[in-house]
Amino acid sequence: MLPFTISATPAEAVSIWRPPPYPAPWALRPEDHFLFARPIPSGAVNWPNPSYRYGGTGFAEGVVHTGVDLGAARHTPVLAAGAGEVVWVGYGLYRGVEDFTDPYGLAVALRHDFGYQLQPIYTVYAHMQSVLVWPGQRVEVGEQIGMVGDTGQATAPHLHFEVRVGENRYFNTRNPELWMVPAEGWGVLAGRVENTFGGELAEYPVQILSLDTQQAWEVWTYARGTVVQDEFYQENFVISDLPAGPYEVRIDFSGRSYATYLYLNPGQTSKVRFAGRLGFLDEPGRAVLDLVHPPFP
């Protein structure tokens, strides 16, 4: 089977309210690189489908998801996430030649005016119903480039969105949840989940609980292959759009339950690391084992 992206039906309810995103670019610290605006406007679904995040294989065994799916309705405007030049329009993005059977369907790719660590950055917009741009055109952030559809390998209308660093290739993607601006007052959690000997745990569940609201989330670590970790975070899971506040992060490993507690700051990416029987490491060489009571009222 070819290593291409297959996108599935977005499943999250449209009625969930979220605040508007921060203005892009947004970076309170050097390690934060929220360079991109949301490619779907506020008022429509502009957050990732939680059941099929970057690095997941939830709908096609052996095919790793190289972007995020934003489950907006058909004909919802698709916006340029940043200023730049249109470098691809049409069918055939995966191979770079016209191919009406391409899994991305009708797609647009932009090369942006800014880079990252001296490398160019690209964004990809796939499964579109129609496009309003042409190769070589310059676009500004927030400019409409097309409309949401379900072309290519998609079972319902949505936008498949990718961030690529270095080259405009399938194997150069990064997790868009680390690059899209979060909602105002909300933040992002990135984590690395390993076994006791430092090997990454692939497709492994992580439970997250808000200590303010008791709302719970579950996220799975990346599958093996294809995806690329961030140079700073070295993550194998990311969950964005979490309201700022105190959280419990829990992982079951080898018949035992481990937990750590953190305060998620707004507009920033927080980081955790789990190391098997060593539990959660809050700094190199020091472990936090089996915390029972959170240090929050």
Protein backbone atom coordinates (compact mmCIF):
# COMPACT_ATOMS: atom_id res chain seq x y z
CA MET A 1 0.00 0.00 0.00
CA LEU A 2 1.32 3.45 -0.87
CA PRO A 3 2.17 5.61 2.17
CA PHE A 4 -0.46 8.28 1.57
CA THR A 5 -2.89 10.13 3.77
CA ILE A 6 -6.44 8.83 4.10
CA SER A 7 -8.83 11.16 5.85
CA ALA A 8 -12.02 10.02 7.52
CA THR A 9 -15.31 11.41 8.74
CA PRO A 10 -14.78 14.15 11.33
CA ALA A 11 -16.80 13.27 14.40
CA GLU A 12 -16.76 16.19 16.84
CA ALA A 13 -19.98 18.11 17.48
CA VAL A 14 -20.24 21.47 15.75
CA SER A 15 -22.06 23.00 18.71
CA ILE A 16 -19.01 23.00 21.03
CA TRP A 17 -18.17 26.66 21.71
CA ARG A 18 -14.57 27.82 21.52
CA PRO A 19 -13.05 31.29 21.84
CA PRO A 20 -11.46 32.85 18.74
CA PRO A 21 -7.79 32.07 18.01
CA TYR A 22 -4.91 34.33 18.97
CA PRO A 23 -3.62 36.50 16.11
CA ALA A 24 -0.92 34.83 14.03
CA PRO A 25 1.99 34.67 14.39
CA TRP A 26 1.95 34.10 18.14
CA ALA A 27 4.99 33.04 20.18
CA LEU A 28 5.48 34.00 23.81
CA ARG A 29 8.68 31.91 24.04
CA PRO A 30 11.33 30.84 21.49
CA GLU A 31 10.16 27.22 21.60
CA ASP A 32 6.59 28.15 20.68
CA HIS A 33 6.06 28.51 16.95
CA PHE A 34 2.39 29.28 16.43
CA LEU A 35 3.08 30.78 13.02
CA PHE A 36 -0.20 29.94 11.33
CA ALA A 37 -3.76 31.19 11.58
CA ARG A 38 -6.61 28.69 11.43
CA PRO A 39 -7.37 27.77 7.81
CA ILE A 40 -11.10 27.66 8.62
CA PRO A 41 -12.72 30.86 9.98
CA SER A 42 -14.24 31.13 13.45
CA GLY A 43 -17.90 30.20 13.45
CA ALA A 44 -17.19 26.91 11.66
CA VAL A 45 -15.32 23.82 12.84
CA ASN A 46 -11.70 24.97 12.84
CA TRP A 47 -10.23 22.53 15.37
CA PRO A 48 -8.75 19.06 14.73
CA ASN A 49 -10.91 15.96 14.71
CA PRO A 50 -9.90 14.39 18.06
CA SER A 51 -10.33 10.80 16.86
CA TYR A 52 -7.88 11.15 13.97
CA ARG A 53 -4.99 13.36 14.99
CA TYR A 54 -1.57 13.68 13.41
CA GLY A 55 0.26 10.35 13.64
CA GLY A 56 -2.92 8.31 14.02
CA THR A 57 -4.00 5.22 12.09
CA GLY A 58 -7.60 5.14 13.27
CA PHE A 59 -9.19 4.49 9.89
CA ALA A 60 -6.59 2.69 7.77
CA GLU A 61 -4.19 0.16 9.23
CA GLY A 62 -0.62 0.93 8.25
CA VAL A 63 -1.43 4.39 6.87
CA VAL A 64 -0.26 7.15 9.21
CA HIS A 65 -2.13 10.47 9.24
CA THR A 66 0.22 13.29 8.26
CA GLY A 67 -2.05 16.22 9.09
CA VAL A 68 -5.20 17.19 10.93
CA ASP A 69 -8.81 17.11 9.75
CA LEU A 70 -11.02 20.15 10.32
CA GLY A 71 -14.61 18.97 9.92
CA ALA A 72 -16.27 22.04 8.47
CA ALA A 73 -19.30 21.83 6.18
CA ARG A 74 -19.07 21.72 2.40
CA HIS A 75 -18.45 25.16 0.80
CA THR A 76 -17.02 26.62 4.04
CA PRO A 77 -14.27 29.10 3.04
CA VAL A 78 -10.70 27.81 3.22
CA LEU A 79 -8.24 30.55 4.21
CA ALA A 80 -4.50 30.88 3.73
CA ALA A 81 -2.89 30.15 7.10
CA GLY A 82 -0.01 32.50 6.30
CA ALA A 83 1.26 34.80 3.58
CA GLY A 84 3.13 33.23 0.69
CA GLU A 85 3.13 31.88 -2.85
CA VAL A 86 0.86 29.22 -4.31
CA VAL A 87 3.12 26.35 -5.45
CA TRP A 88 0.51 23.66 -6.18
CA VAL A 89 -3.11 23.65 -7.35
CA GLY A 90 -4.98 20.59 -8.55
CA TYR A 91 -5.06 16.81 -8.29
CA GLY A 92 -1.84 14.84 -7.81
CA LEU A 93 -0.13 16.52 -4.84
CA TYR A 94 1.24 13.25 -3.45
CA ARG A 95 3.39 12.47 -6.49
CA GLY A 96 3.66 16.01 -7.80
CA VAL A 97 2.12 15.21 -11.19
CA GLU A 98 -1.50 15.48 -12.31
CA ASP A 99 -3.43 12.44 -11.05
CA PHE A 100 -7.20 12.51 -10.59
CA THR A 101 -7.00 9.39 -8.36
CA ASP A 102 -4.69 11.14 -5.88
CA PRO A 103 -5.84 10.61 -2.24
CA TYR A 104 -5.50 14.31 -1.43
CA GLY A 105 -8.12 15.15 -4.04
CA LEU A 106 -8.23 18.77 -5.13
CA ALA A 107 -5.44 20.42 -3.14
CA VAL A 108 -3.50 23.66 -2.74
CA ALA A 109 0.03 24.05 -1.34
CA LEU A 110 1.61 27.34 -0.24
CA ARG A 111 5.26 28.20 0.30
CA HIS A 112 5.35 30.85 2.99
CA ASP A 113 7.27 34.10 3.18
CA PHE A 114 8.85 33.01 6.46
CA GLY A 115 10.85 29.92 7.35
CA TYR A 116 11.83 27.93 10.42
CA GLN A 117 15.44 27.27 11.43
CA LEU A 118 16.61 28.44 7.99
CA GLN A 119 14.26 26.04 6.22
CA PRO A 120 11.21 26.91 4.08
CA ILE A 121 7.73 26.12 5.37
CA TYR A 122 4.75 24.90 3.34
CA THR A 123 1.10 24.35 4.18
CA VAL A 124 -1.25 21.97 2.39
CA TYR A 125 -5.04 22.21 2.03
CA ALA A 126 -6.68 19.03 0.72
CA HIS A 127 -10.06 17.48 -0.23
CA MET A 128 -11.28 20.88 -1.44
CA GLN A 129 -14.50 21.36 -3.40
CA SER A 130 -13.16 24.27 -5.43
CA VAL A 131 -10.15 26.58 -5.53
CA LEU A 132 -9.82 30.31 -6.14
CA VAL A 133 -6.05 30.57 -6.71
CA TRP A 134 -3.48 29.60 -9.33
CA PRO A 135 0.21 28.58 -9.25
CA GLY A 136 2.52 31.52 -8.73
CA GLN A 137 -0.15 33.72 -7.13
CA ARG A 138 0.73 35.53 -3.92
CA VAL A 139 -1.77 35.34 -1.06
CA GLU A 140 -2.02 37.02 2.32
CA VAL A 141 -2.90 35.44 5.64
CA GLY A 142 -6.68 35.02 5.90
CA GLU A 143 -7.25 35.31 2.14
CA GLN A 144 -9.76 32.80 0.79
CA ILE A 145 -8.10 30.18 -1.41
CA GLY A 146 -11.03 27.82 -1.93
CA MET A 147 -13.89 25.94 -0.30
CA VAL A 148 -14.19 22.79 1.81
CA GLY A 149 -15.20 19.61 -0.01
CA ASP A 150 -14.72 15.84 -0.03
CA THR A 151 -12.61 15.19 -3.13
CA GLY A 152 -10.04 12.41 -3.04
CA GLN A 153 -10.13 9.78 -0.33
CA ALA A 154 -12.57 11.41 2.06
CA THR A 155 -15.88 10.09 3.35
CA ALA A 156 -17.36 13.46 4.33
CA PRO A 157 -16.61 17.15 3.72
CA HIS A 158 -13.65 18.47 5.72
CA LEU A 159 -10.29 20.14 5.26
CA HIS A 160 -7.12 18.09 5.61
CA PHE A 161 -4.37 20.52 6.70
CA GLU A 162 -0.63 19.87 6.78
CA VAL A 163 2.52 21.76 7.75
CA ARG A 164 5.71 20.76 5.93
CA VAL A 165 9.24 21.92 6.79
CA GLY A 166 12.22 21.89 4.44
CA GLU A 167 10.55 20.43 1.35
CA ASN A 168 7.02 20.18 0.01
CA ARG A 169 6.97 16.41 0.51
CA TYR A 170 4.70 13.91 2.24
CA PHE A 171 7.61 12.79 4.45
CA ASN A 172 8.40 16.34 5.67
CA THR A 173 5.26 17.00 7.70
CA ARG A 174 5.08 18.29 11.27
CA ASN A 175 2.17 18.20 13.70
CA PRO A 176 -0.06 21.18 12.79
CA GLU A 177 -1.33 21.39 16.38
CA LEU A 178 2.09 22.78 17.34
CA TRP A 179 1.92 25.41 14.57
CA MET A 180 -1.68 26.70 14.51
CA VAL A 181 -2.48 29.48 16.99
CA PRO A 182 -4.51 28.17 19.94
CA ALA A 183 -7.81 29.65 21.04
CA GLU A 184 -7.49 32.75 23.23
CA GLY A 185 -6.93 31.75 26.86
CA TRP A 186 -6.24 28.14 25.88
CA GLY A 187 -3.02 26.19 25.38
CA VAL A 188 -1.39 23.09 23.92
CA LEU A 189 0.02 19.98 25.60
CA ALA A 190 2.85 18.01 23.97
CA GLY A 191 4.26 14.83 25.45
CA ARG A 192 6.77 12.09 24.96
CA VAL A 193 5.78 8.61 26.14
CA GLU A 194 8.54 6.00 26.44
CA ASN A 195 9.09 2.62 28.06
CA THR A 196 11.55 2.24 30.94
CA PHE A 197 14.48 1.86 28.56
CA GLY A 198 13.78 4.93 26.44
CA GLY A 199 11.95 3.29 23.56
CA GLU A 200 8.90 5.17 22.31
CA LEU A 201 5.48 3.65 23.05
CA ALA A 202 3.53 3.80 19.80
CA GLU A 203 -0.28 4.16 19.64
CA TYR A 204 -0.47 4.27 23.43
CA PRO A 205 -3.34 5.94 25.33
CA VAL A 206 -2.88 9.01 27.54
CA GLN A 207 -5.68 10.33 29.80
CA ILE A 208 -5.97 14.05 30.53
CA LEU A 209 -8.29 15.54 33.15
CA SER A 210 -9.11 19.19 33.85
CA LEU A 211 -9.04 19.69 37.62
CA ASP A 212 -11.19 22.80 37.21
CA THR A 213 -14.07 21.29 35.22
CA GLN A 214 -13.47 17.51 35.46
CA GLN A 215 -13.67 17.30 31.67
CA ALA A 216 -11.60 14.39 30.38
CA TRP A 217 -9.75 13.79 27.11
CA GLU A 218 -7.90 10.80 25.70
CA VAL A 219 -5.12 11.10 23.16
CA TRP A 220 -2.97 8.38 21.56
CA THR A 221 0.73 8.52 20.79
CA TYR A 222 1.94 8.50 17.21
CA ALA A 223 2.10 5.33 15.17
CA ARG A 224 5.49 4.30 13.89
CA GLY A 225 6.76 5.72 10.62
CA THR A 226 6.17 8.70 8.32
CA VAL A 227 5.58 11.45 10.91
CA VAL A 228 8.35 13.79 12.09
CA GLN A 229 8.79 15.01 15.64
CA ASP A 230 9.41 18.63 16.54
CA GLU A 231 13.09 19.43 17.08
CA PHE A 232 12.42 20.99 20.49
CA TYR A 233 9.56 18.96 21.94
CA GLN A 234 10.58 15.52 20.57
CA GLU A 235 6.94 14.63 21.14
CA ASN A 236 4.88 11.60 20.24
CA PHE A 237 1.53 13.12 21.13
CA VAL A 238 -0.01 16.59 20.98
CA ILE A 239 -3.43 17.84 22.02
CA SER A 240 -4.33 21.46 21.35
CA ASP A 241 -7.18 23.72 22.42
CA LEU A 242 -7.17 22.90 26.13
CA PRO A 243 -8.48 25.67 28.40
CA ALA A 244 -5.73 27.08 30.62
CA GLY A 245 -5.69 25.68 34.15
CA PRO A 246 -4.58 22.73 36.30
CA TYR A 247 -4.55 19.25 34.77
CA GLU A 248 -3.88 15.65 35.68
CA VAL A 249 -2.12 13.53 33.07
CA ARG A 250 -2.38 9.78 33.67
CA ILE A 251 -0.85 6.74 31.96
CA ASP A 252 -1.34 3.07 32.81
CA PHE A 253 1.83 1.05 32.35
CA SER A 254 2.78 -2.49 33.30
CA GLY A 255 -0.18 -2.95 35.66
CA ARG A 256 0.30 0.37 37.43
CA SER A 257 -1.25 3.82 37.09
CA TYR A 258 1.05 6.86 36.97
CA ALA A 259 -0.03 10.49 37.18
CA THR A 260 1.50 13.94 37.07
CA TYR A 261 -0.01 17.38 37.56
CA LEU A 262 0.68 20.58 35.69
CA TYR A 263 -0.70 24.04 35.07
CA LEU A 264 -1.38 24.63 31.39
CA ASN A 265 -0.54 28.23 30.54
CA PRO A 266 -2.61 30.14 27.97
CA GLY A 267 -1.08 30.72 24.56
CA GLN A 268 1.81 28.32 25.19
CA THR A 269 2.80 24.69 24.70
CA SER A 270 3.37 22.72 27.90
CA LYS A 271 5.41 19.52 27.88
CA VAL A 272 5.39 16.23 29.79
CA ARG A 273 7.56 13.14 29.54
CA PHE A 274 6.75 9.62 30.71
CA ALA A 275 9.45 6.95 31.08
CA GLY A 276 7.80 3.63 31.89
CA ARG A 277 8.43 2.40 35.45
CA LEU A 278 10.27 5.66 36.18
CA GLY A 279 6.95 7.45 35.81
CA PHE A 280 6.69 11.08 34.72
CA LEU A 281 9.97 12.97 34.58
CA ASP A 282 9.55 16.63 35.38
CA GLU A 283 13.22 17.31 34.80
CA PRO A 284 16.15 15.16 33.61
CA GLY A 285 16.92 12.42 36.12
CA ARG A 286 14.10 13.14 38.57
CA ALA A 287 10.90 11.12 38.54
CA VAL A 288 7.42 11.81 39.89
CA LEU A 289 5.83 8.49 40.85
CA ASP A 290 2.17 7.70 41.53
CA LEU A 291 1.01 11.10 42.76
CA VAL A 292 -2.36 10.69 44.44
CA HIS A 293 -3.47 14.18 45.43
CA PRO A 294 -3.10 17.12 43.03
CA PRO A 295 -1.31 20.18 44.40
CA PHE A 296 -4.31 22.34 43.55
CA PRO A 297 -7.33 23.21 45.70
